[in-house]
């Protein structure tokens, strides 16, 4: 346990479990891809003319709002109260799901289940990370992997639960409109009750997680203060002006888009190739297992190597999966494995970027910079949705997957030839402090 007593260490582990549970709830964002067809079917049964393609804005909108509000959550945590931040964030997530169960207007559904839900996720996202980073300062990558893995595992559980409640008999969508199939009323009518059950589950898990969370530990003693100062970017403004941040922002924008697109569209695309609702729900659930578990794997690898090496390997895998997905989709098991592989890569990116940002800019300023960086993911999610509206309509899914593969190839180029992994503040602050050995 080193410097800390066994009691201190135990409390930090309990707090880590609480942080995991918070992410377990806000990670249910990914269930939206599974729920979208049920929501669209339900709204159409209630008289709306909205299509599944239009309602597919829900997932990228949630991601965009969540990533845009992450910085607000970080500021609330540092300036006000960490518990209040998480309470507000998770409460918004829970309320948005519960309120949506009563709605029949597509616009209000998008406002509540898209914007309100996403804002709550963003508020709660960084606080658990900041708490646990302060508890385990020498294992930021590993800790990030453990906590953010909850973001993937939440979908695994609730994808299966929601599908079983809504469609227990694995009925096929029977109503067809402009080439897209929708479920009849005997399936879609179960949506409101399902959302209320999900909201109750989210409430219970959130309450346990918040009660287990510990407090942020500030550096104690001169040595800890000096160590923190050596690695710390002096201000948010200084960090945002660096070439390192600009490159990471661009890299995050183009490398995240393929995984986010596949996460939002795997069921829409898969239903055109594989007419099996249970199997597609299982695909999303197992994909989330890979998303969650491989976040820890990628984090472990980064702790033992470097961001540049590990993300290069990850992007190579992503390129292979995207380049061949269209050609293997007719084979159910291969389709499942390829989707799981893409999910694993997407989860890895979510782990690697916060770790490298903290490494390059320091723990305190780095968390604020990570909040700004996350706007790249917001832009990526919305851009992927807009691109697919045009590409799929005129050129089809093959062209869309090739565009995503091209973005991955561009990401590899940036990593190899443009990005330099370094903390520019370390040597400057060391000199300022008079040369700390």
Protein backbone atom coordinates (compact mmCIF):
# COMPACT_ATOMS: atom_id res chain seq x y z
CA UNK A 1 0.00 0.00 0.00
CA UNK A 2 3.08 2.22 0.17
CA UNK A 3 2.60 5.59 1.85
CA UNK A 4 -1.06 4.96 2.61
CA UNK A 5 -2.47 2.79 5.37
CA UNK A 6 -4.56 -0.26 4.62
CA UNK A 7 -7.64 1.66 5.72
CA UNK A 8 -6.85 4.54 3.35
CA UNK A 9 -6.25 2.12 0.51
CA UNK A 10 -9.51 0.29 1.18
CA UNK A 11 -11.45 3.54 1.11
CA UNK A 12 -9.88 4.44 -2.21
CA UNK A 13 -10.84 1.07 -3.69
CA UNK A 14 -14.42 1.54 -2.47
CA UNK A 15 -14.44 5.00 -4.05
CA UNK A 16 -13.14 3.46 -7.27
CA UNK A 17 -16.10 1.06 -7.26
CA UNK A 18 -18.42 4.05 -6.84
CA UNK A 19 -16.75 5.79 -9.78
CA UNK A 20 -17.23 2.64 -11.87
CA UNK A 21 -20.95 2.56 -11.01
CA UNK A 22 -21.43 6.20 -12.01
CA UNK A 23 -19.97 5.41 -15.42
CA UNK A 24 -22.04 2.21 -15.55
CA UNK A 25 -25.16 4.40 -15.60
CA UNK A 26 -24.05 7.21 -17.89
CA UNK A 27 -22.60 4.62 -20.28
CA UNK A 28 -26.13 3.48 -21.09
CA UNK A 29 -25.95 6.14 -23.79
CA UNK A 30 -25.04 3.26 -26.09
CA UNK A 31 -28.38 1.54 -25.47
CA UNK A 32 -29.92 4.30 -27.58
CA UNK A 33 -28.76 2.54 -30.75
CA UNK A 34 -30.73 -0.50 -29.65
CA UNK A 35 -33.78 1.47 -28.49
CA UNK A 36 -34.09 3.80 -31.50
CA UNK A 37 -36.11 1.40 -33.65
CA UNK A 38 -38.55 0.79 -30.78
CA UNK A 39 -38.89 4.52 -30.12
CA UNK A 40 -39.47 5.24 -33.82
CA UNK A 41 -42.03 2.42 -34.05
CA UNK A 42 -43.84 3.66 -30.93
CA UNK A 43 -43.98 7.27 -32.15
CA UNK A 44 -45.28 6.17 -35.55
CA UNK A 45 -47.99 4.08 -33.86
CA UNK A 46 -48.98 7.27 -32.01
CA UNK A 47 -49.45 9.14 -35.29
CA UNK A 48 -46.02 10.59 -36.00
CA UNK A 49 -44.42 10.36 -39.45
CA UNK A 50 -40.83 10.36 -38.15
CA UNK A 51 -38.50 7.80 -39.73
CA UNK A 52 -35.79 5.69 -38.14
CA UNK A 53 -33.17 7.52 -40.20
CA UNK A 54 -34.32 10.83 -38.74
CA UNK A 55 -34.51 9.49 -35.20
CA UNK A 56 -30.98 8.13 -35.51
CA UNK A 57 -29.93 11.66 -34.53
CA UNK A 58 -30.56 10.65 -30.90
CA UNK A 59 -27.28 8.82 -30.28
CA UNK A 60 -24.91 11.32 -31.96
CA UNK A 61 -26.83 14.17 -30.30
CA UNK A 62 -26.40 12.53 -26.89
CA UNK A 63 -22.68 12.09 -27.54
CA UNK A 64 -22.32 15.65 -28.84
CA UNK A 65 -24.10 17.23 -25.87
CA UNK A 66 -22.32 14.97 -23.39
CA UNK A 67 -18.90 15.80 -24.74
CA UNK A 68 -19.75 19.50 -24.93
CA UNK A 69 -20.86 19.61 -21.29
CA UNK A 70 -17.88 17.66 -19.93
CA UNK A 71 -15.93 20.87 -19.35
CA UNK A 72 -18.86 22.27 -17.36
CA UNK A 73 -18.79 19.17 -15.17
CA UNK A 74 -15.06 19.58 -14.60
CA UNK A 75 -15.50 23.24 -13.63
CA UNK A 76 -18.37 22.40 -11.26
CA UNK A 77 -16.21 19.77 -9.58
CA UNK A 78 -13.17 22.01 -9.12
CA UNK A 79 -15.04 25.19 -8.12
CA UNK A 80 -18.08 23.90 -6.26
CA UNK A 81 -18.83 20.36 -5.06
CA UNK A 82 -18.00 17.00 -6.62
CA UNK A 83 -21.01 15.21 -5.09
CA UNK A 84 -23.42 17.91 -6.26
CA UNK A 85 -22.02 17.64 -9.78
CA UNK A 86 -22.59 13.89 -9.99
CA UNK A 87 -26.01 14.13 -8.31
CA UNK A 88 -27.21 16.69 -10.85
CA UNK A 89 -25.69 14.83 -13.79
CA UNK A 90 -27.08 11.39 -13.01
CA UNK A 91 -30.45 12.87 -11.96
CA UNK A 92 -30.78 14.45 -15.41
CA UNK A 93 -30.03 11.09 -17.05
CA UNK A 94 -32.62 9.28 -14.91
CA UNK A 95 -35.30 11.95 -15.34
CA UNK A 96 -34.81 12.12 -19.11
CA UNK A 97 -35.45 8.38 -19.44
CA UNK A 98 -38.48 8.54 -17.14
CA UNK A 99 -39.99 11.61 -18.85
CA UNK A 100 -39.48 10.11 -22.32
CA UNK A 101 -41.74 7.21 -21.33
CA UNK A 102 -44.69 9.66 -21.36
CA UNK A 103 -43.84 11.48 -24.61
CA UNK A 104 -45.33 11.05 -28.09
CA UNK A 105 -43.99 14.18 -29.82
CA UNK A 106 -40.73 13.41 -31.69
CA UNK A 107 -39.31 16.91 -31.20
CA UNK A 108 -39.78 16.77 -27.44
CA UNK A 109 -38.33 13.24 -27.38
CA UNK A 110 -35.22 14.53 -29.12
CA UNK A 111 -34.96 17.47 -26.71
CA UNK A 112 -35.39 15.31 -23.60
CA UNK A 113 -33.81 11.97 -24.55
CA UNK A 114 -31.15 13.58 -26.72
CA UNK A 115 -30.14 16.90 -25.16
CA UNK A 116 -31.18 16.53 -21.50
CA UNK A 117 -29.79 12.98 -21.30
CA UNK A 118 -26.52 13.98 -22.95
CA UNK A 119 -26.05 17.02 -20.71
CA UNK A 120 -26.42 14.83 -17.62
CA UNK A 121 -23.83 12.37 -18.92
CA UNK A 122 -21.37 15.17 -19.60
CA UNK A 123 -21.74 16.65 -16.11
CA UNK A 124 -20.97 13.32 -14.44
CA UNK A 125 -18.24 12.07 -16.77
CA UNK A 126 -14.98 13.55 -15.48
CA UNK A 127 -15.73 13.80 -11.73
CA UNK A 128 -15.22 10.07 -10.99
CA UNK A 129 -11.98 10.17 -12.99
CA UNK A 130 -10.67 13.23 -11.13
CA UNK A 131 -11.41 11.64 -7.76
CA UNK A 132 -9.68 8.35 -8.57
CA UNK A 133 -6.72 10.01 -10.31
CA UNK A 134 -6.07 11.87 -7.06
CA UNK A 135 -6.26 8.57 -5.14
CA UNK A 136 -3.94 6.65 -7.48
CA UNK A 137 -1.70 9.31 -9.11
CA UNK A 138 0.86 6.80 -10.39
CA UNK A 139 -1.66 4.63 -12.24
CA UNK A 140 -3.77 7.10 -14.22
CA UNK A 141 -4.00 4.91 -17.31
CA UNK A 142 -5.06 1.81 -15.40
CA UNK A 143 -7.55 3.75 -13.27
CA UNK A 144 -9.02 5.40 -16.38
CA UNK A 145 -9.48 1.96 -17.91
CA UNK A 146 -11.27 0.56 -14.86
CA UNK A 147 -13.67 3.49 -14.49
CA UNK A 148 -14.43 4.04 -18.16
CA UNK A 149 -14.96 0.29 -18.63
CA UNK A 150 -18.17 0.88 -16.68
CA UNK A 151 -19.21 3.12 -19.54
CA UNK A 152 -19.17 0.06 -21.80
CA UNK A 153 -20.56 -2.56 -19.43
CA UNK A 154 -23.70 -0.54 -18.66
CA UNK A 155 -24.91 -1.00 -22.20
CA UNK A 156 -24.16 -4.73 -22.09
CA UNK A 157 -26.63 -5.27 -19.27
CA UNK A 158 -29.35 -2.87 -20.32
CA UNK A 159 -29.30 -3.75 -24.03
CA UNK A 160 -30.36 -7.28 -23.12
CA UNK A 161 -32.81 -6.19 -20.41
CA UNK A 162 -34.58 -3.64 -22.61
CA UNK A 163 -34.84 -5.99 -25.60
CA UNK A 164 -36.19 -8.82 -23.44
CA UNK A 165 -38.90 -6.58 -21.94
CA UNK A 166 -39.95 -4.95 -25.22
CA UNK A 167 -39.67 -7.95 -27.53
CA UNK A 168 -39.62 -11.14 -25.42
CA UNK A 169 -40.79 -13.31 -28.34
CA UNK A 170 -38.14 -11.99 -30.77
CA UNK A 171 -40.79 -10.81 -33.22
CA UNK A 172 -39.65 -9.36 -36.51
CA UNK A 173 -40.50 -5.77 -37.54
CA UNK A 174 -43.54 -6.10 -39.79
CA UNK A 175 -44.46 -2.56 -40.92
CA UNK A 176 -42.42 -1.33 -43.88
CA UNK A 177 -42.05 2.30 -44.95
CA UNK A 178 -39.62 3.51 -47.64
CA UNK A 179 -37.51 0.37 -47.26
CA UNK A 180 -37.29 0.56 -43.46
CA UNK A 181 -39.11 -1.90 -41.21
CA UNK A 182 -40.85 -0.95 -37.96
CA UNK A 183 -42.39 -2.95 -35.14
CA UNK A 184 -46.14 -3.24 -34.73
CA UNK A 185 -48.06 -2.00 -31.70
CA UNK A 186 -47.88 -5.32 -29.83
CA UNK A 187 -44.10 -4.77 -29.50
CA UNK A 188 -43.70 -0.98 -29.45
CA UNK A 189 -46.46 -0.49 -26.85
CA UNK A 190 -44.11 -1.98 -24.24
CA UNK A 191 -41.66 0.92 -24.65
CA UNK A 192 -43.04 3.25 -21.91
CA UNK A 193 -42.94 0.55 -19.21
CA UNK A 194 -39.45 -0.47 -20.30
CA UNK A 195 -38.13 3.08 -19.98
CA UNK A 196 -39.62 3.39 -16.49
CA UNK A 197 -37.94 0.16 -15.39
CA UNK A 198 -34.63 1.39 -16.80
CA UNK A 199 -35.01 4.71 -14.95
CA UNK A 200 -35.56 2.85 -11.66
CA UNK A 201 -32.47 0.70 -12.24
CA UNK A 202 -30.38 3.76 -13.08
CA UNK A 203 -31.57 5.47 -9.88
CA UNK A 204 -30.60 2.57 -7.62
CA UNK A 205 -27.15 2.12 -9.19
CA UNK A 206 -26.47 5.88 -9.18
CA UNK A 207 -27.41 6.16 -5.51
CA UNK A 208 -25.01 3.36 -4.55
CA UNK A 209 -22.23 4.86 -6.67
CA UNK A 210 -22.59 8.34 -5.18
CA UNK A 211 -22.61 6.97 -1.63
CA UNK A 212 -19.36 5.09 -2.31
CA UNK A 213 -17.50 8.02 -3.90
CA UNK A 214 -14.62 9.51 -1.93
CA UNK A 215 -13.19 13.02 -1.99
CA UNK A 216 -10.48 14.45 -4.21
CA UNK A 217 -7.14 14.28 -2.40
CA UNK A 218 -4.92 17.31 -2.88
CA UNK A 219 -1.10 16.86 -2.89
CA UNK A 220 0.35 16.84 0.62
CA UNK A 221 3.80 18.12 1.50
CA UNK A 222 6.44 19.95 -0.48
CA UNK A 223 7.59 16.95 -2.49
CA UNK A 224 4.09 16.18 -3.75
CA UNK A 225 3.51 19.84 -4.54
CA UNK A 226 6.79 20.09 -6.44
CA UNK A 227 6.06 16.88 -8.36
CA UNK A 228 2.64 18.21 -9.32
CA UNK A 229 4.09 21.59 -10.35
CA UNK A 230 6.81 20.02 -12.50
CA UNK A 231 4.31 18.27 -14.76
CA UNK A 232 1.57 20.91 -14.72
CA UNK A 233 0.59 23.19 -17.58
CA UNK A 234 0.36 26.68 -15.98
CA UNK A 235 -3.15 27.43 -17.29
CA UNK A 236 -5.95 26.23 -19.53
CA UNK A 237 -5.27 29.08 -21.96
CA UNK A 238 -1.59 28.13 -22.27
CA UNK A 239 -2.45 24.50 -22.98
CA UNK A 240 -5.02 25.33 -25.66
CA UNK A 241 -2.45 27.42 -27.55
CA UNK A 242 -0.03 24.52 -27.95
CA UNK A 243 0.52 22.52 -31.11
CA UNK A 244 0.11 19.36 -29.04
CA UNK A 245 -3.49 20.22 -28.18
CA UNK A 246 -4.36 21.15 -31.78
CA UNK A 247 -3.03 17.83 -33.05
CA UNK A 248 -4.83 15.83 -30.36
CA UNK A 249 -8.08 17.69 -31.11
CA UNK A 250 -7.83 16.90 -34.83
CA UNK A 251 -6.79 13.32 -34.15
CA UNK A 252 -9.71 12.84 -31.77
CA UNK A 253 -12.14 14.26 -34.33
CA UNK A 254 -11.22 11.93 -37.18
CA UNK A 255 -10.26 8.79 -35.25
CA UNK A 256 -13.44 8.66 -33.13
CA UNK A 257 -15.88 9.16 -35.99
CA UNK A 258 -15.77 5.58 -37.38
CA UNK A 259 -16.42 3.91 -34.02
CA UNK A 260 -19.18 6.35 -33.08
CA UNK A 261 -20.85 5.86 -36.45
CA UNK A 262 -20.79 2.06 -36.21
CA UNK A 263 -22.06 2.22 -32.61
CA UNK A 264 -25.04 4.29 -33.77
CA UNK A 265 -25.79 2.38 -36.99
CA UNK A 266 -24.86 -1.27 -36.39
CA UNK A 267 -28.50 -2.25 -35.78
CA UNK A 268 -29.90 -0.22 -38.68
CA UNK A 269 -27.31 -1.70 -41.04
CA UNK A 270 -27.46 -5.16 -39.50
CA UNK A 271 -31.23 -5.38 -39.87
CA UNK A 272 -30.81 -5.10 -43.63
CA UNK A 273 -28.45 -8.09 -43.62
CA UNK A 274 -29.60 -10.09 -40.56
CA UNK A 275 -33.31 -10.10 -39.72
CA UNK A 276 -32.95 -11.24 -36.10
CA UNK A 277 -33.73 -8.72 -33.35
CA UNK A 278 -32.37 -10.84 -30.50
CA UNK A 279 -29.11 -11.47 -32.34
CA UNK A 280 -28.62 -7.78 -33.10
CA UNK A 281 -29.32 -6.90 -29.45
CA UNK A 282 -26.79 -9.56 -28.44
CA UNK A 283 -24.31 -8.07 -30.91
CA UNK A 284 -24.65 -4.66 -29.29
CA UNK A 285 -24.40 -6.17 -25.80
CA UNK A 286 -21.25 -8.17 -26.60
CA UNK A 287 -19.85 -5.17 -28.43
CA UNK A 288 -20.23 -3.21 -25.21
CA UNK A 289 -18.42 -5.99 -23.31
CA UNK A 290 -15.51 -5.56 -25.70
CA UNK A 291 -15.83 -1.78 -25.41
CA UNK A 292 -15.66 -1.95 -21.63
CA UNK A 293 -13.11 -4.72 -21.11
CA UNK A 294 -10.69 -3.52 -23.77
CA UNK A 295 -10.66 -0.04 -22.25
CA UNK A 296 -8.81 -1.61 -19.35
CA UNK A 297 -6.58 -3.63 -21.69
CA UNK A 298 -5.61 -0.57 -23.73
CA UNK A 299 -4.99 1.40 -20.53
CA UNK A 300 -2.73 -1.35 -19.17
CA UNK A 301 -0.78 -1.42 -22.41
CA UNK A 302 -0.36 2.36 -22.34
CA UNK A 303 0.96 2.24 -18.78
CA UNK A 304 3.67 -0.14 -20.03
CA UNK A 305 4.35 1.58 -23.35
CA UNK A 306 3.35 4.93 -24.89
CA UNK A 307 0.29 6.58 -26.39
CA UNK A 308 1.89 6.72 -29.83
CA UNK A 309 2.68 3.01 -29.98
CA UNK A 310 -0.63 1.78 -28.56
CA UNK A 311 -2.91 4.05 -30.59
CA UNK A 312 -1.03 3.04 -33.74
CA UNK A 313 -1.82 -0.62 -33.05
CA UNK A 314 -5.44 0.24 -32.25
CA UNK A 315 -5.92 2.22 -35.46
CA UNK A 316 -4.43 -0.59 -37.54
CA UNK A 317 -7.05 -2.97 -36.15
CA UNK A 318 -9.80 -0.40 -36.74
CA UNK A 319 -8.71 0.03 -40.35
CA UNK A 320 -8.87 -3.72 -40.99
CA UNK A 321 -12.32 -4.10 -39.44
CA UNK A 322 -13.85 -1.14 -41.30
CA UNK A 323 -12.31 -2.04 -44.63
CA UNK A 324 -13.82 -5.52 -44.60
CA UNK A 325 -17.08 -5.12 -42.61
CA UNK A 326 -19.33 -4.79 -45.66
CA UNK A 327 -18.00 -8.00 -47.18
CA UNK A 328 -18.47 -10.20 -44.09
CA UNK A 329 -21.86 -8.88 -42.92
CA UNK A 330 -23.82 -11.78 -44.41
CA UNK A 331 -22.12 -14.15 -41.97
CA UNK A 332 -23.75 -13.64 -38.55
CA UNK A 333 -20.86 -14.75 -36.34
CA UNK A 334 -18.28 -12.82 -38.35
CA UNK A 335 -20.51 -9.74 -38.31
CA UNK A 336 -20.73 -10.02 -34.52
CA UNK A 337 -16.95 -10.38 -34.14
CA UNK A 338 -16.25 -7.42 -36.45
CA UNK A 339 -18.68 -5.17 -34.58
CA UNK A 340 -17.11 -6.27 -31.29
CA UNK A 341 -13.68 -5.45 -32.71
CA UNK A 342 -14.77 -1.96 -33.73
CA UNK A 343 -16.34 -1.42 -30.30
CA UNK A 344 -13.07 -2.52 -28.67
CA UNK A 345 -11.17 0.08 -30.70
CA UNK A 346 -13.72 2.80 -29.94
CA UNK A 347 -13.48 2.04 -26.23
CA UNK A 348 -9.70 2.17 -26.43
CA UNK A 349 -9.76 5.67 -27.87
CA UNK A 350 -11.97 6.79 -24.98
CA UNK A 351 -9.30 5.54 -22.57
CA UNK A 352 -6.11 6.59 -24.34
CA UNK A 353 -6.96 10.24 -24.97
CA UNK A 354 -7.68 11.29 -21.36
CA UNK A 355 -4.51 9.52 -20.23
CA UNK A 356 -2.26 11.19 -22.80
CA UNK A 357 -3.81 14.61 -22.14
CA UNK A 358 -3.10 14.30 -18.41
CA UNK A 359 0.42 13.12 -19.29
CA UNK A 360 1.05 16.10 -21.57
CA UNK A 361 -0.64 18.84 -19.52
CA UNK A 362 -0.68 17.64 -15.91
CA UNK A 363 -3.46 16.31 -13.69
CA UNK A 364 -5.33 19.50 -12.76
CA UNK A 365 -5.03 21.51 -15.97
CA UNK A 366 -5.16 18.31 -18.02
CA UNK A 367 -8.66 17.49 -16.81
CA UNK A 368 -9.85 20.94 -17.94
CA UNK A 369 -8.11 20.55 -21.29
CA UNK A 370 -9.72 17.13 -21.66
CA UNK A 371 -13.09 18.85 -21.32
CA UNK A 372 -12.23 21.13 -24.25
CA UNK A 373 -10.75 18.24 -26.24
CA UNK A 374 -14.06 16.44 -25.85
CA UNK A 375 -15.66 18.97 -28.18
CA UNK A 376 -13.80 17.13 -30.95
CA UNK A 377 -15.81 14.02 -30.11
CA UNK A 378 -19.02 16.09 -30.18
CA UNK A 379 -18.17 17.38 -33.64
CA UNK A 380 -17.18 13.87 -34.68
CA UNK A 381 -20.52 12.35 -33.64
CA UNK A 382 -22.63 14.97 -35.44
CA UNK A 383 -20.37 14.98 -38.51
CA UNK A 384 -20.68 11.21 -38.82
CA UNK A 385 -24.47 11.49 -38.75
CA UNK A 386 -24.50 14.23 -41.41
CA UNK A 387 -22.03 12.39 -43.65
CA UNK A 388 -24.05 9.16 -43.54
CA UNK A 389 -27.24 10.97 -44.57
CA UNK A 390 -25.59 11.90 -47.86
CA UNK A 391 -23.24 8.97 -48.50
CA UNK A 392 -25.68 6.15 -47.75
CA UNK A 393 -28.51 7.72 -49.75
CA UNK A 394 -26.43 8.17 -52.89
CA UNK A 395 -23.68 5.55 -52.62
CA UNK A 396 -24.71 2.96 -50.03
CA UNK A 397 -23.14 1.39 -46.96
CA UNK A 398 -20.00 0.16 -48.72
CA UNK A 399 -19.00 3.73 -49.55
CA UNK A 400 -19.74 4.81 -45.98
CA UNK A 401 -17.49 2.13 -44.50
CA UNK A 402 -14.73 3.07 -46.95
CA UNK A 403 -15.02 6.73 -45.92
CA UNK A 404 -14.64 5.68 -42.28
CA UNK A 405 -11.65 3.50 -43.19
CA UNK A 406 -10.12 6.50 -44.97
CA UNK A 407 -10.47 8.62 -41.83
CA UNK A 408 -8.73 5.90 -39.84
CA UNK A 409 -5.90 5.85 -42.36
CA UNK A 410 -5.55 9.62 -42.01
CA UNK A 411 -5.39 9.17 -38.23
CA UNK A 412 -2.51 6.73 -38.60
CA UNK A 413 -0.66 9.28 -40.73
CA UNK A 414 -1.08 11.98 -38.06
CA UNK A 415 0.16 9.67 -35.30
CA UNK A 416 3.24 8.58 -37.25
CA UNK A 417 4.31 11.83 -38.89
CA UNK A 418 2.79 14.76 -36.97
CA UNK A 419 2.17 14.01 -33.29
CA UNK A 420 4.98 14.26 -30.72
CA UNK A 421 4.25 12.73 -27.30
CA UNK A 422 5.80 15.03 -24.71
CA UNK A 423 5.06 17.26 -21.71
CA UNK A 424 6.44 20.68 -22.74
CA UNK A 425 6.01 22.05 -19.21
CA UNK A 426 8.18 19.55 -17.39
CA UNK A 427 11.58 21.00 -18.23
CA UNK A 428 10.37 24.60 -17.98
CA UNK A 429 8.91 24.09 -14.49
CA UNK A 430 11.91 22.08 -13.37
CA UNK A 431 14.17 24.99 -14.29
CA UNK A 432 11.84 27.45 -12.57
CA UNK A 433 11.90 25.42 -9.35
CA UNK A 434 15.69 25.46 -9.28
CA UNK A 435 16.35 21.99 -10.61
CA UNK A 436 14.52 19.32 -8.66
CA UNK A 437 16.24 15.93 -8.67
